[in-house]
Amino acid sequence: MATGYTPNIPEWFSAYEPLIEWESDEHFKVTDDFRLVFKDKRSNHLFTFTNLDHSHGTAATNLKLSIYRNQKVIRTIRGAEEAPVKQETAFQQFE
């Protein structure tokens, strides 16, 4: 299906391209909590909510799961265990 959508990667991101790990020519490596994986260890991170089909599955950008994604990012940034990520929060029924 052709939707006409094309990703908009900002120009400033090109400075990071040689610094991050890539899974392929088109897909950067992403952690479970949506951080880009850098070749070196660092205390600051870039998070992504797009281009995740290869690492998190086709439902990764589903808007119903945005709260789950946001919870994981906030928990990572805060470094806090007191903000549990709720499981099984999405419900769908097909008849």
Foldseek 3Di string as FASTA:
>chain_A
DDDPDDDDDDPVCVVCVVFFDAPDPPGFDADPLQWGHGPDDDDDTDGDQPRCCVPPNPCSNPPVCVVLSVLSNVCVVVVDPVSDRDPPPDDDDDD
